Amino acid sequence: QPKLVESGGGLVQPGGSLRLSCVGSEFTLESYSIGWFRQAPGKGREGVACISRNGGSIKYPDSAKGRFYIWRNNTGNTVYLQMNILKSEDTGVYYCAARGRMTLVQDMCNEQLYEFWGQGTQVTVSS
């Protein structure tokens, strides 16, 4: 069954870094725009980094700019999220999602436009 599989989550101290990976299993990622979304405890899901099919367009919310970086390796069927200078408010379950439809740049991280979702990986930032 085609699916997205996230990995790389864990416990990290404030100021630390983590790299998350999203791999397509029987799922060709290069055919899709990919987004990373975070759901903090008791909150809704928000996009933290989104990338177009060929990597030419990338969008970050203000909370992630300068700290998070998304890139993709289409040959390896993987999309990565590098998270630096982590803060306690970055704690949450991180999901990768795939979007087949085209959209405007300002809507790249609109979760409602994403059709396929992984199961998520937990990131906890705590001392």
PDB file of N, CA and C in Angstrom:
ATOM      1  N   GLN A   1       0.848  -1.176   0.000  1.00  0.00           N
ATOM      2  CA  GLN A   1       0.000   0.000   0.000  1.00  0.00           C
ATOM      3  C   GLN A   1       0.898   1.245   0.000  1.00  0.00           C
ATOM      4  N   PRO A   2       0.672   2.173  -0.905  1.00  0.00           N
ATOM      5  CA  PRO A   2       1.504   3.386  -0.954  1.00  0.00           C
ATOM      6  C   PRO A   2       1.363   4.209   0.314  1.00  0.00           C
ATOM      7  N   LYS A   3       2.491   4.699   0.810  1.00  0.00           N
ATOM      8  CA  LYS A   3       2.425   5.516   2.011  1.00  0.00           C
ATOM      9  C   LYS A   3       3.668   6.390   2.148  1.00  0.00           C
ATOM     10  N   LEU A   4       3.538   7.388   3.014  1.00  0.00           N
ATOM     11  CA  LEU A   4       4.649   8.250   3.387  1.00  0.00           C
ATOM     12  C   LEU A   4       5.121   7.838   4.769  1.00  0.00           C
ATOM     13  N   VAL A   5       6.424   7.763   4.946  1.00  0.00           N
ATOM     14  CA  VAL A   5       6.972   7.303   6.220  1.00  0.00           C
ATOM     15  C   VAL A   5       7.963   8.335   6.738  1.00  0.00           C
ATOM     16  N   GLU A   6       7.657   8.894   7.905  1.00  0.00           N
ATOM     17  CA  GLU A   6       8.547   9.873   8.529  1.00  0.00           C
ATOM     18  C   GLU A   6       9.480   9.179   9.527  1.00  0.00           C
ATOM     19  N   SER A   7      10.658   9.759   9.695  1.00  0.00           N
ATOM     20  CA  SER A   7      11.590   9.271  10.707  1.00  0.00           C
ATOM     21  C   SER A   7      12.492  10.418  11.131  1.00  0.00           C
ATOM     22  N   GLY A   8      13.207  10.205  12.231  1.00  0.00           N
ATOM     23  CA  GLY A   8      14.176  11.187  12.693  1.00  0.00           C
ATOM     24  C   GLY A   8      13.766  11.985  13.908  1.00  0.00           C
ATOM     25  N   GLY A   9      12.547  11.786  14.369  1.00  0.00           N
ATOM     26  CA  GLY A   9      12.104  12.503  15.556  1.00  0.00           C
ATOM     27  C   GLY A   9      12.801  12.005  16.807  1.00  0.00           C
ATOM     28  N   GLY A  10      12.575  12.725  17.911  1.00  0.00           N
ATOM     29  CA  GLY A  10      13.176  12.322  19.176  1.00  0.00           C
ATOM     30  C   GLY A  10      13.163  13.446  20.169  1.00  0.00           C
ATOM     31  N   LEU A  11      13.932  13.256  21.225  1.00  0.00           N
ATOM     32  CA  LEU A  11      14.056  14.236  22.284  1.00  0.00           C
ATOM     33  C   LEU A  11      15.350  15.022  22.081  1.00  0.00           C
ATOM     34  N   VAL A  12      15.252  16.331  22.125  1.00  0.00           N
ATOM     35  CA  VAL A  12      16.427  17.181  21.927  1.00  0.00           C
ATOM     36  C   VAL A  12      16.337  18.369  22.872  1.00  0.00           C
ATOM     37  N   GLN A  13      17.470  18.858  23.297  1.00  0.00           N
ATOM     38  CA  GLN A  13      17.488  20.011  24.186  1.00  0.00           C
ATOM     39  C   GLN A  13      17.266  21.296  23.406  1.00  0.00           C
ATOM     40  N   PRO A  14      16.761  22.311  24.059  1.00  0.00           N
ATOM     41  CA  PRO A  14      16.616  23.612  23.381  1.00  0.00           C
ATOM     42  C   PRO A  14      17.951  24.060  22.796  1.00  0.00           C
ATOM     43  N   GLY A  15      17.888  24.577  21.586  1.00  0.00           N
ATOM     44  CA  GLY A  15      19.095  24.983  20.881  1.00  0.00           C
ATOM     45  C   GLY A  15      19.698  23.900  20.020  1.00  0.00           C
ATOM     46  N   GLY A  16      19.202  22.685  20.168  1.00  0.00           N
ATOM     47  CA  GLY A  16      19.717  21.560  19.403  1.00  0.00           C
ATOM     48  C   GLY A  16      19.126  21.463  18.011  1.00  0.00           C
ATOM     49  N   SER A  17      19.496  20.395  17.315  1.00  0.00           N
ATOM     50  CA  SER A  17      19.063  20.187  15.930  1.00  0.00           C
ATOM     51  C   SER A  17      18.551  18.771  15.738  1.00  0.00           C
ATOM     52  N   LEU A  18      17.684  18.635  14.765  1.00  0.00           N
ATOM     53  CA  LEU A  18      17.201  17.329  14.320  1.00  0.00           C
ATOM     54  C   LEU A  18      17.002  17.375  12.823  1.00  0.00           C
ATOM     55  N   ARG A  19      17.146  16.230  12.199  1.00  0.00           N
ATOM     56  CA  ARG A  19      16.838  16.112  10.771  1.00  0.00           C
ATOM     57  C   ARG A  19      15.772  15.047  10.603  1.00  0.00           C
ATOM     58  N   LEU A  20      14.680  15.436  10.027  1.00  0.00           N
ATOM     59  CA  LEU A  20      13.589  14.510   9.736  1.00  0.00           C
ATOM     60  C   LEU A  20      13.651  14.081   8.278  1.00  0.00           C
ATOM     61  N   SER A  21      13.217  12.857   8.043  1.00  0.00           N
ATOM     62  CA  SER A  21      13.156  12.331   6.684  1.00  0.00           C
ATOM     63  C   SER A  21      11.748  11.853   6.380  1.00  0.00           C
ATOM     64  N   CYS A  22      11.359  12.032   5.143  1.00  0.00           N
ATOM     65  CA  CYS A  22      10.067  11.538   4.658  1.00  0.00           C
ATOM     66  C   CYS A  22      10.364  10.698   3.420  1.00  0.00           C
ATOM     67  N   VAL A  23      10.067   9.422   3.521  1.00  0.00           N
ATOM     68  CA  VAL A  23      10.336   8.500   2.423  1.00  0.00           C
ATOM     69  C   VAL A  23       9.016   8.008   1.838  1.00  0.00           C
ATOM     70  N   GLY A  24       8.974   7.913   0.535  1.00  0.00           N
ATOM     71  CA  GLY A  24       7.805   7.342  -0.110  1.00  0.00           C
ATOM     72  C   GLY A  24       7.965   5.835  -0.219  1.00  0.00           C
ATOM     73  N   SER A  25       6.974   5.109   0.270  1.00  0.00           N
ATOM     74  CA  SER A  25       6.964   3.658   0.151  1.00  0.00           C
ATOM     75  C   SER A  25       5.903   3.293  -0.864  1.00  0.00           C
ATOM     76  N   GLU A  26       6.342   2.750  -1.986  1.00  0.00           N
ATOM     77  CA  GLU A  26       5.442   2.508  -3.120  1.00  0.00           C
ATOM     78  C   GLU A  26       4.729   3.815  -3.488  1.00  0.00           C
ATOM     79  N   PHE A  27       5.435   4.915  -3.356  1.00  0.00           N
ATOM     80  CA  PHE A  27       4.874   6.254  -3.541  1.00  0.00           C
ATOM     81  C   PHE A  27       5.990   7.106  -4.130  1.00  0.00           C
ATOM     82  N   THR A  28       5.813   7.609  -5.346  1.00  0.00           N
ATOM     83  CA  THR A  28       6.865   8.360  -6.028  1.00  0.00           C
ATOM     84  C   THR A  28       6.761   9.834  -5.653  1.00  0.00           C
ATOM     85  N   LEU A  29       7.624  10.273  -4.768  1.00  0.00           N
ATOM     86  CA  LEU A  29       7.518  11.637  -4.240  1.00  0.00           C
ATOM     87  C   LEU A  29       7.735  12.708  -5.294  1.00  0.00           C
ATOM     88  N   GLU A  30       8.513  12.445  -6.327  1.00  0.00           N
ATOM     89  CA  GLU A  30       8.831  13.499  -7.291  1.00  0.00           C
ATOM     90  C   GLU A  30       7.609  13.963  -8.070  1.00  0.00           C
ATOM     91  N   SER A  31       6.521  13.223  -7.974  1.00  0.00           N
ATOM     92  CA  SER A  31       5.292  13.620  -8.644  1.00  0.00           C
ATOM     93  C   SER A  31       4.450  14.576  -7.802  1.00  0.00           C
ATOM     94  N   TYR A  32       4.944  14.892  -6.590  1.00  0.00           N
ATOM     95  CA  TYR A  32       4.146  15.666  -5.651  1.00  0.00           C
ATOM     96  C   TYR A  32       4.938  16.800  -5.014  1.00  0.00           C
ATOM     97  N   SER A  33       4.244  17.855  -4.702  1.00  0.00           N
ATOM     98  CA  SER A  33       4.781  18.833  -3.767  1.00  0.00           C
ATOM     99  C   SER A  33       4.668  18.226  -2.373  1.00  0.00           C
ATOM    100  N   ILE A  34       5.622  18.541  -1.531  1.00  0.00           N
ATOM    101  CA  ILE A  34       5.669  17.932  -0.201  1.00  0.00           C
ATOM    102  C   ILE A  34       5.690  19.028   0.864  1.00  0.00           C
ATOM    103  N   GLY A  35       4.954  18.794   1.915  1.00  0.00           N
ATOM    104  CA  GLY A  35       4.963  19.720   3.036  1.00  0.00           C
ATOM    105  C   GLY A  35       5.253  18.998   4.336  1.00  0.00           C
ATOM    106  N   TRP A  36       5.916  19.702   5.220  1.00  0.00           N
ATOM    107  CA  TRP A  36       6.076  19.244   6.606  1.00  0.00           C
ATOM    108  C   TRP A  36       5.144  20.081   7.469  1.00  0.00           C
ATOM    109  N   PHE A  37       4.398  19.380   8.305  1.00  0.00           N
ATOM    110  CA  PHE A  37       3.426  20.033   9.179  1.00  0.00           C
ATOM    111  C   PHE A  37       3.679  19.600  10.613  1.00  0.00           C
ATOM    112  N   ARG A  38       3.339  20.476  11.512  1.00  0.00           N
ATOM    113  CA  ARG A  38       3.544  20.208  12.932  1.00  0.00           C
ATOM    114  C   ARG A  38       2.216  20.353  13.654  1.00  0.00           C
ATOM    115  N   GLN A  39       1.969  19.431  14.585  1.00  0.00           N
ATOM    116  CA  GLN A  39       0.811  19.566  15.459  1.00  0.00           C
ATOM    117  C   GLN A  39       1.287  19.528  16.897  1.00  0.00           C
ATOM    118  N   ALA A  40       1.223  20.689  17.530  1.00  0.00           N
ATOM    119  CA  ALA A  40       1.604  20.789  18.928  1.00  0.00           C
ATOM    120  C   ALA A  40       0.459  20.296  19.810  1.00  0.00           C
ATOM    121  N   PRO A  41       0.757  19.891  21.023  1.00  0.00           N
ATOM    122  CA  PRO A  41      -0.295  19.410  21.925  1.00  0.00           C
ATOM    123  C   PRO A  41      -1.413  20.438  22.087  1.00  0.00           C
ATOM    124  N   GLY A  42      -2.634  20.013  21.834  1.00  0.00           N
ATOM    125  CA  GLY A  42      -3.780  20.883  22.025  1.00  0.00           C
ATOM    126  C   GLY A  42      -3.978  21.934  20.954  1.00  0.00           C
ATOM    127  N   LYS A  43      -3.210  21.837  19.870  1.00  0.00           N
ATOM    128  CA  LYS A  43      -3.312  22.838  18.812  1.00  0.00           C
ATOM    129  C   LYS A  43      -3.586  22.186  17.471  1.00  0.00           C
ATOM    130  N   GLY A  44      -3.932  23.008  16.510  1.00  0.00           N
ATOM    131  CA  GLY A  44      -4.152  22.520  15.165  1.00  0.00           C
ATOM    132  C   GLY A  44      -2.840  22.286  14.440  1.00  0.00           C
ATOM    133  N   ARG A  45      -2.932  21.748  13.262  1.00  0.00           N
ATOM    134  CA  ARG A  45      -1.746  21.455  12.476  1.00  0.00           C
ATOM    135  C   ARG A  45      -1.323  22.692  11.685  1.00  0.00           C
ATOM    136  N   GLU A  46      -0.022  22.968  11.657  1.00  0.00           N
ATOM    137  CA  GLU A  46       0.481  24.108  10.898  1.00  0.00           C
ATOM    138  C   GLU A  46       1.648  23.665  10.017  1.00  0.00           C
ATOM    139  N   GLY A  47       1.739  24.284   8.863  1.00  0.00           N
ATOM    140  CA  GLY A  47       2.842  23.994   7.961  1.00  0.00           C
ATOM    141  C   GLY A  47       4.114  24.665   8.438  1.00  0.00           C
ATOM    142  N   VAL A  48       5.219  23.938   8.407  1.00  0.00           N
ATOM    143  CA  VAL A  48       6.501  24.512   8.817  1.00  0.00           C
ATOM    144  C   VAL A  48       7.491  24.603   7.658  1.00  0.00           C
ATOM    145  N   ALA A  49       7.258  23.863   6.590  1.00  0.00           N
ATOM    146  CA  ALA A  49       8.134  23.936   5.425  1.00  0.00           C
ATOM    147  C   ALA A  49       7.470  23.176   4.287  1.00  0.00           C
ATOM    148  N   CYS A  50       7.456  23.792   3.116  1.00  0.00           N
ATOM    149  CA  CYS A  50       6.798  23.158   1.977  1.00  0.00           C
ATOM    150  C   CYS A  50       7.637  23.382   0.729  1.00  0.00           C
ATOM    151  N   ILE A  51       7.681  22.377  -0.137  1.00  0.00           N
ATOM    152  CA  ILE A  51       8.550  22.429  -1.303  1.00  0.00           C
ATOM    153  C   ILE A  51       7.812  21.909  -2.524  1.00  0.00           C
ATOM    154  N   SER A  52       8.048  22.551  -3.660  1.00  0.00           N
ATOM    155  CA  SER A  52       7.396  22.146  -4.889  1.00  0.00           C
ATOM    156  C   SER A  52       8.041  20.878  -5.447  1.00  0.00           C
ATOM    157  N   ARG A  53       7.459  20.365  -6.508  1.00  0.00           N
ATOM    158  CA  ARG A  53       7.906  19.083  -7.066  1.00  0.00           C
ATOM    159  C   ARG A  53       9.376  19.086  -7.454  1.00  0.00           C
ATOM    160  N   ASN A  54       9.801  20.169  -8.074  1.00  0.00           N
ATOM    161  CA  ASN A  54      11.194  20.202  -8.525  1.00  0.00           C
ATOM    162  C   ASN A  54      12.103  20.959  -7.560  1.00  0.00           C
ATOM    163  N   GLY A  55      11.546  21.378  -6.427  1.00  0.00           N
ATOM    164  CA  GLY A  55      12.333  22.101  -5.437  1.00  0.00           C
ATOM    165  C   GLY A  55      12.528  23.564  -5.745  1.00  0.00           C
ATOM    166  N   GLY A  56      11.914  24.047  -6.815  1.00  0.00           N
ATOM    167  CA  GLY A  56      12.129  25.433  -7.202  1.00  0.00           C
ATOM    168  C   GLY A  56      11.413  26.455  -6.348  1.00  0.00           C
ATOM    169  N   SER A  57      10.369  26.026  -5.671  1.00  0.00           N
ATOM    170  CA  SER A  57       9.634  26.918  -4.770  1.00  0.00           C
ATOM    171  C   SER A  57       9.608  26.298  -3.386  1.00  0.00           C
ATOM    172  N   ILE A  58       9.916  27.129  -2.400  1.00  0.00           N
ATOM    173  CA  ILE A  58       9.936  26.689  -1.007  1.00  0.00           C
ATOM    174  C   ILE A  58       9.250  27.758  -0.171  1.00  0.00           C
ATOM    175  N   LYS A  59       8.509  27.325   0.792  1.00  0.00           N
ATOM    176  CA  LYS A  59       7.811  28.272   1.670  1.00  0.00           C
ATOM    177  C   LYS A  59       8.003  27.863   3.124  1.00  0.00           C
ATOM    178  N   TYR A  60       8.310  28.859   3.960  1.00  0.00           N
ATOM    179  CA  TYR A  60       8.403  28.671   5.404  1.00  0.00           C
ATOM    180  C   TYR A  60       7.537  29.720   6.086  1.00  0.00           C
ATOM    181  N   PRO A  61       6.891  29.357   7.191  1.00  0.00           N
ATOM    182  CA  PRO A  61       6.229  30.397   7.980  1.00  0.00           C
ATOM    183  C   PRO A  61       7.289  31.188   8.732  1.00  0.00           C
ATOM    184  N   ASP A  62       6.916  32.327   9.245  1.00  0.00           N
ATOM    185  CA  ASP A  62       7.884  33.169   9.957  1.00  0.00           C
ATOM    186  C   ASP A  62       8.531  32.430  11.128  1.00  0.00           C
ATOM    187  N   SER A  63       7.781  31.538  11.763  1.00  0.00           N
ATOM    188  CA  SER A  63       8.308  30.822  12.934  1.00  0.00           C
ATOM    189  C   SER A  63       9.461  29.896  12.585  1.00  0.00           C
ATOM    190  N   ALA A  64       9.560  29.522  11.306  1.00  0.00           N
ATOM    191  CA  ALA A  64      10.586  28.562  10.889  1.00  0.00           C
ATOM    192  C   ALA A  64      11.716  29.195  10.081  1.00  0.00           C
ATOM    193  N   LYS A  65      11.514  30.376   9.576  1.00  0.00           N
ATOM    194  CA  LYS A  65      12.516  31.014   8.715  1.00  0.00           C
ATOM    195  C   LYS A  65      13.844  31.177   9.439  1.00  0.00           C
ATOM    196  N   GLY A  66      14.906  30.785   8.760  1.00  0.00           N
ATOM    197  CA  GLY A  66      16.239  30.906   9.326  1.00  0.00           C
ATOM    198  C   GLY A  66      16.625  29.766  10.248  1.00  0.00           C
ATOM    199  N   ARG A  67      15.673  28.903  10.574  1.00  0.00           N
ATOM    200  CA  ARG A  67      15.978  27.752  11.458  1.00  0.00           C
ATOM    201  C   ARG A  67      15.693  26.410  10.780  1.00  0.00           C
ATOM    202  N   PHE A  68      14.655  26.337   9.982  1.00  0.00           N
ATOM    203  CA  PHE A  68      14.259  25.094   9.325  1.00  0.00           C
ATOM    204  C   PHE A  68      14.616  25.171   7.843  1.00  0.00           C
ATOM    205  N   TYR A  69      15.013  24.023   7.301  1.00  0.00           N
ATOM    206  CA  TYR A  69      15.356  23.952   5.890  1.00  0.00           C
ATOM    207  C   TYR A  69      14.793  22.664   5.305  1.00  0.00           C
ATOM    208  N   ILE A  70      14.152  22.795   4.179  1.00  0.00           N
ATOM    209  CA  ILE A  70      13.571  21.641   3.501  1.00  0.00           C
ATOM    210  C   ILE A  70      14.274  21.459   2.171  1.00  0.00           C
ATOM    211  N   TRP A  71      14.539  20.216   1.823  1.00  0.00           N
ATOM    212  CA  TRP A  71      15.063  19.911   0.501  1.00  0.00           C
ATOM    213  C   TRP A  71      14.637  18.505   0.143  1.00  0.00           C
ATOM    214  N   ARG A  72      14.816  18.198  -1.128  1.00  0.00           N
ATOM    215  CA  ARG A  72      14.367  16.904  -1.583  1.00  0.00           C
ATOM    216  C   ARG A  72      15.406  16.231  -2.449  1.00  0.00           C
ATOM    217  N   ASN A  73      15.421  14.926  -2.368  1.00  0.00           N
ATOM    218  CA  ASN A  73      16.264  14.090  -3.194  1.00  0.00           C
ATOM    219  C   ASN A  73      15.305  13.176  -3.954  1.00  0.00           C
ATOM    220  N   ASN A  74      14.934  13.597  -5.135  1.00  0.00           N
ATOM    221  CA  ASN A  74      13.937  12.819  -5.880  1.00  0.00           C
ATOM    222  C   ASN A  74      14.474  11.464  -6.301  1.00  0.00           C
ATOM    223  N   THR A  75      15.771  11.393  -6.559  1.00  0.00           N
ATOM    224  CA  THR A  75      16.357  10.103  -6.902  1.00  0.00           C
ATOM    225  C   THR A  75      16.208   9.124  -5.748  1.00  0.00           C
ATOM    226  N   GLY A  76      16.413   9.640  -4.534  1.00  0.00           N
ATOM    227  CA  GLY A  76      16.283   8.806  -3.344  1.00  0.00           C
ATOM    228  C   GLY A  76      14.873   8.727  -2.799  1.00  0.00           C
ATOM    229  N   ASN A  77      13.941   9.421  -3.502  1.00  0.00           N
ATOM    230  CA  ASN A  77      12.530   9.389  -3.088  1.00  0.00           C
ATOM    231  C   ASN A  77      12.356   9.839  -1.637  1.00  0.00           C
ATOM    232  N   THR A  78      13.102  10.887  -1.267  1.00  0.00           N
ATOM    233  CA  THR A  78      13.106  11.344   0.119  1.00  0.00           C
ATOM    234  C   THR A  78      13.048  12.876   0.167  1.00  0.00           C
ATOM    235  N   VAL A  79      12.320  13.374   1.148  1.00  0.00           N
ATOM    236  CA  VAL A  79      12.316  14.807   1.447  1.00  0.00           C
ATOM    237  C   VAL A  79      12.785  14.974   2.887  1.00  0.00           C
ATOM    238  N   TYR A  80      13.645  15.960   3.104  1.00  0.00           N
ATOM    239  CA  TYR A  80      14.248  16.158   4.419  1.00  0.00           C
ATOM    240  C   TYR A  80      13.788  17.485   5.032  1.00  0.00           C
ATOM    241  N   LEU A  81      13.806  17.498   6.359  1.00  0.00           N
ATOM    242  CA  LEU A  81      13.581  18.735   7.096  1.00  0.00           C
ATOM    243  C   LEU A  81      14.674  18.848   8.151  1.00  0.00           C
ATOM    244  N   GLN A  82      15.557  19.820   7.957  1.00  0.00           N
ATOM    245  CA  GLN A  82      16.589  20.111   8.933  1.00  0.00           C
ATOM    246  C   GLN A  82      16.067  21.189   9.873  1.00  0.00           C
ATOM    247  N   MET A  83      16.081  20.895  11.157  1.00  0.00           N
ATOM    248  CA  MET A  83      15.578  21.836  12.156  1.00  0.00           C
ATOM    249  C   MET A  83      16.708  22.214  13.099  1.00  0.00           C
ATOM    250  N   ASN A  84      17.028  23.496  13.139  1.00  0.00           N
ATOM    251  CA  ASN A  84      18.114  24.006  13.965  1.00  0.00           C
ATOM    252  C   ASN A  84      17.575  24.974  15.012  1.00  0.00           C
ATOM    253  N   ILE A  85      18.377  25.231  16.013  1.00  0.00           N
ATOM    254  CA  ILE A  85      18.043  26.171  17.085  1.00  0.00           C
ATOM    255  C   ILE A  85      16.626  25.877  17.585  1.00  0.00           C
ATOM    256  N   LEU A  86      16.409  24.627  17.930  1.00  0.00           N
ATOM    257  CA  LEU A  86      15.067  24.202  18.320  1.00  0.00           C
ATOM    258  C   LEU A  86      14.641  24.836  19.630  1.00  0.00           C
ATOM    259  N   LYS A  87      13.348  25.125  19.706  1.00  0.00           N
ATOM    260  CA  LYS A  87      12.754  25.760  20.871  1.00  0.00           C
ATOM    261  C   LYS A  87      11.677  24.841  21.437  1.00  0.00           C
ATOM    262  N   SER A  88      11.295  25.074  22.662  1.00  0.00           N
ATOM    263  CA  SER A  88      10.266  24.242  23.284  1.00  0.00           C
ATOM    264  C   SER A  88       8.964  24.292  22.492  1.00  0.00           C
ATOM    265  N   GLU A  89       8.688  25.433  21.872  1.00  0.00           N
ATOM    266  CA  GLU A  89       7.452  25.562  21.099  1.00  0.00           C
ATOM    267  C   GLU A  89       7.487  24.798  19.783  1.00  0.00           C
ATOM    268  N   ASP A  90       8.624  24.217  19.445  1.00  0.00           N
ATOM    269  CA  ASP A  90       8.701  23.354  18.259  1.00  0.00           C
ATOM    270  C   ASP A  90       8.244  21.937  18.574  1.00  0.00           C
ATOM    271  N   THR A  91       7.966  21.658  19.826  1.00  0.00           N
ATOM    272  CA  THR A  91       7.506  20.329  20.223  1.00  0.00           C
ATOM    273  C   THR A  91       6.188  19.991  19.552  1.00  0.00           C
ATOM    274  N   GLY A  92       6.084  18.762  19.073  1.00  0.00           N
ATOM    275  CA  GLY A  92       4.856  18.317  18.454  1.00  0.00           C
ATOM    276  C   GLY A  92       5.087  17.089  17.605  1.00  0.00           C
ATOM    277  N   VAL A  93       4.027  16.639  16.982  1.00  0.00           N
ATOM    278  CA  VAL A  93       4.131  15.542  16.014  1.00  0.00           C
ATOM    279  C   VAL A  93       4.312  16.174  14.637  1.00  0.00           C
ATOM    280  N   TYR A  94       5.339  15.714  13.944  1.00  0.00           N
ATOM    281  CA  TYR A  94       5.653  16.244  12.619  1.00  0.00           C
ATOM    282  C   TYR A  94       5.210  15.247  11.555  1.00  0.00           C
ATOM    283  N   TYR A  95       4.444  15.761  10.611  1.00  0.00           N
ATOM    284  CA  TYR A  95       3.913  14.954   9.527  1.00  0.00           C
ATOM    285  C   TYR A  95       4.465  15.445   8.197  1.00  0.00           C
ATOM    286  N   CYS A  96       4.736  14.520   7.297  1.00  0.00           N
ATOM    287  CA  CYS A  96       4.937  14.944   5.931  1.00  0.00           C
ATOM    288  C   CYS A  96       3.678  14.597   5.139  1.00  0.00           C
ATOM    289  N   ALA A  97       3.437  15.402   4.132  1.00  0.00           N
ATOM    290  CA  ALA A  97       2.231  15.254   3.334  1.00  0.00           C
ATOM    291  C   ALA A  97       2.548  15.557   1.880  1.00  0.00           C
ATOM    292  N   ALA A  98       1.758  14.972   1.004  1.00  0.00           N
ATOM    293  CA  ALA A  98       1.978  15.124  -0.431  1.00  0.00           C
ATOM    294  C   ALA A  98       0.769  15.776  -1.089  1.00  0.00           C
ATOM    295  N   ARG A  99       1.066  16.661  -2.028  1.00  0.00           N
ATOM    296  CA  ARG A  99       0.017  17.387  -2.742  1.00  0.00           C
ATOM    297  C   ARG A  99       0.255  17.253  -4.237  1.00  0.00           C
ATOM    298  N   GLY A 100      -0.735  16.728  -4.940  1.00  0.00           N
ATOM    299  CA  GLY A 100      -0.583  16.549  -6.372  1.00  0.00           C
ATOM    300  C   GLY A 100      -1.040  17.755  -7.172  1.00  0.00           C
ATOM    301  N   ARG A 101      -1.961  18.507  -6.634  1.00  0.00           N
ATOM    302  CA  ARG A 101      -2.523  19.626  -7.370  1.00  0.00           C
ATOM    303  C   ARG A 101      -1.604  20.841  -7.308  1.00  0.00           C
ATOM    304  N   MET A 102      -1.661  21.666  -8.336  1.00  0.00           N
ATOM    305  CA  MET A 102      -0.882  22.894  -8.361  1.00  0.00           C
ATOM    306  C   MET A 102      -1.591  23.938  -7.514  1.00  0.00           C
ATOM    307  N   THR A 103      -0.805  24.870  -6.970  1.00  0.00           N
ATOM    308  CA  THR A 103      -1.399  25.921  -6.167  1.00  0.00           C
ATOM    309  C   THR A 103      -0.515  27.164  -6.224  1.00  0.00           C
ATOM    310  N   LEU A 104      -1.051  28.268  -5.747  1.00  0.00           N
ATOM    311  CA  LEU A 104      -0.274  29.496  -5.671  1.00  0.00           C
ATOM    312  C   LEU A 104       0.789  29.355  -4.584  1.00  0.00           C
ATOM    313  N   VAL A 105       1.855  30.110  -4.709  1.00  0.00           N
ATOM    314  CA  VAL A 105       2.940  30.035  -3.729  1.00  0.00           C
ATOM    315  C   VAL A 105       2.414  30.313  -2.328  1.00  0.00           C
ATOM    316  N   GLN A 106       1.519  31.301  -2.204  1.00  0.00           N
ATOM    317  CA  GLN A 106       1.044  31.648  -0.856  1.00  0.00           C
ATOM    318  C   GLN A 106       0.241  30.529  -0.220  1.00  0.00           C
ATOM    319  N   ASP A 107      -0.228  29.575  -1.018  1.00  0.00           N
ATOM    320  CA  ASP A 107      -1.029  28.465  -0.487  1.00  0.00           C
ATOM    321  C   ASP A 107      -0.233  27.179  -0.357  1.00  0.00           C
ATOM    322  N   MET A 108       1.086  27.241  -0.544  1.00  0.00           N
ATOM    323  CA  MET A 108       1.893  26.014  -0.557  1.00  0.00           C
ATOM    324  C   MET A 108       1.776  25.226   0.724  1.00  0.00           C
ATOM    325  N   CYS A 109       1.605  25.901   1.849  1.00  0.00           N
ATOM    326  CA  CYS A 109       1.540  25.206   3.132  1.00  0.00           C
ATOM    327  C   CYS A 109       0.120  25.143   3.686  1.00  0.00           C
ATOM    328  N   ASN A 110      -0.845  25.238   2.820  1.00  0.00           N
ATOM    329  CA  ASN A 110      -2.237  25.080   3.241  1.00  0.00           C
ATOM    330  C   ASN A 110      -2.534  23.587   3.378  1.00  0.00           C
ATOM    331  N   GLU A 111      -2.733  23.133   4.589  1.00  0.00           N
ATOM    332  CA  GLU A 111      -2.853  21.690   4.833  1.00  0.00           C
ATOM    333  C   GLU A 111      -4.074  21.092   4.138  1.00  0.00           C
ATOM    334  N   GLN A 112      -5.086  21.914   3.909  1.00  0.00           N
ATOM    335  CA  GLN A 112      -6.311  21.393   3.298  1.00  0.00           C
ATOM    336  C   GLN A 112      -6.095  20.972   1.849  1.00  0.00           C
ATOM    337  N   LEU A 113      -4.995  21.414   1.258  1.00  0.00           N
ATOM    338  CA  LEU A 113      -4.725  21.092  -0.141  1.00  0.00           C
ATOM    339  C   LEU A 113      -3.910  19.806  -0.283  1.00  0.00           C
ATOM    340  N   TYR A 114      -3.505  19.220   0.843  1.00  0.00           N
ATOM    341  CA  TYR A 114      -2.678  18.019   0.803  1.00  0.00           C
ATOM    342  C   TYR A 114      -3.540  16.770   0.892  1.00  0.00           C
ATOM    343  N   GLU A 115      -3.223  15.821   0.020  1.00  0.00           N
ATOM    344  CA  GLU A 115      -4.083  14.651  -0.133  1.00  0.00           C
ATOM    345  C   GLU A 115      -3.593  13.429   0.635  1.00  0.00           C
ATOM    346  N   PHE A 116      -2.299  13.310   0.812  1.00  0.00           N
ATOM    347  CA  PHE A 116      -1.732  12.111   1.414  1.00  0.00           C
ATOM    348  C   PHE A 116      -0.873  12.501   2.609  1.00  0.00           C
ATOM    349  N   TRP A 117      -0.995  11.722   3.691  1.00  0.00           N
ATOM    350  CA  TRP A 117      -0.307  12.051   4.939  1.00  0.00           C
ATOM    351  C   TRP A 117       0.394  10.828   5.512  1.00  0.00           C
ATOM    352  N   GLY A 118       1.555  11.087   6.122  1.00  0.00           N
ATOM    353  CA  GLY A 118       2.220  10.041   6.863  1.00  0.00           C
ATOM    354  C   GLY A 118       1.639   9.919   8.263  1.00  0.00           C
ATOM    355  N   GLN A 119       2.204   9.017   9.038  1.00  0.00           N
ATOM    356  CA  GLN A 119       1.717   8.763  10.390  1.00  0.00           C
ATOM    357  C   GLN A 119       2.310   9.717  11.417  1.00  0.00           C
ATOM    358  N   GLY A 120       3.381  10.390  11.068  1.00  0.00           N
ATOM    359  CA  GLY A 120       3.970  11.375  11.968  1.00  0.00           C
ATOM    360  C   GLY A 120       5.119  10.826  12.791  1.00  0.00           C
ATOM    361  N   THR A 121       5.977  11.761  13.229  1.00  0.00           N
ATOM    362  CA  THR A 121       7.083  11.421  14.120  1.00  0.00           C
ATOM    363  C   THR A 121       7.138  12.485  15.213  1.00  0.00           C
ATOM    364  N   GLN A 122       7.326  12.031  16.447  1.00  0.00           N
ATOM    365  CA  GLN A 122       7.290  12.933  17.586  1.00  0.00           C
ATOM    366  C   GLN A 122       8.614  13.662  17.757  1.00  0.00           C
ATOM    367  N   VAL A 123       8.520  14.967  17.931  1.00  0.00           N
ATOM    368  CA  VAL A 123       9.681  15.788  18.261  1.00  0.00           C
ATOM    369  C   VAL A 123       9.403  16.464  19.599  1.00  0.00           C
ATOM    370  N   THR A 124      10.288  16.269  20.548  1.00  0.00           N
ATOM    371  CA  THR A 124      10.141  16.885  21.857  1.00  0.00           C
ATOM    372  C   THR A 124      11.392  17.701  22.156  1.00  0.00           C
ATOM    373  N   VAL A 125      11.187  18.989  22.396  1.00  0.00           N
ATOM    374  CA  VAL A 125      12.293  19.880  22.712  1.00  0.00           C
ATOM    375  C   VAL A 125      12.175  20.242  24.195  1.00  0.00           C
ATOM    376  N   SER A 126      13.095  19.722  24.976  1.00  0.00           N
ATOM    377  CA  SER A 126      13.009  19.915  26.420  1.00  0.00           C
ATOM    378  C   SER A 126      14.372  19.703  27.049  1.00  0.00           C
ATOM    379  N   SER A 127      14.616  20.437  28.120  1.00  0.00           N
ATOM    380  CA  SER A 127      15.858  20.243  28.860  1.00  0.00           C
ATOM    381  C   SER A 127      15.646  19.226  29.977  1.00  0.00           C
TER     382      SER A 127
END
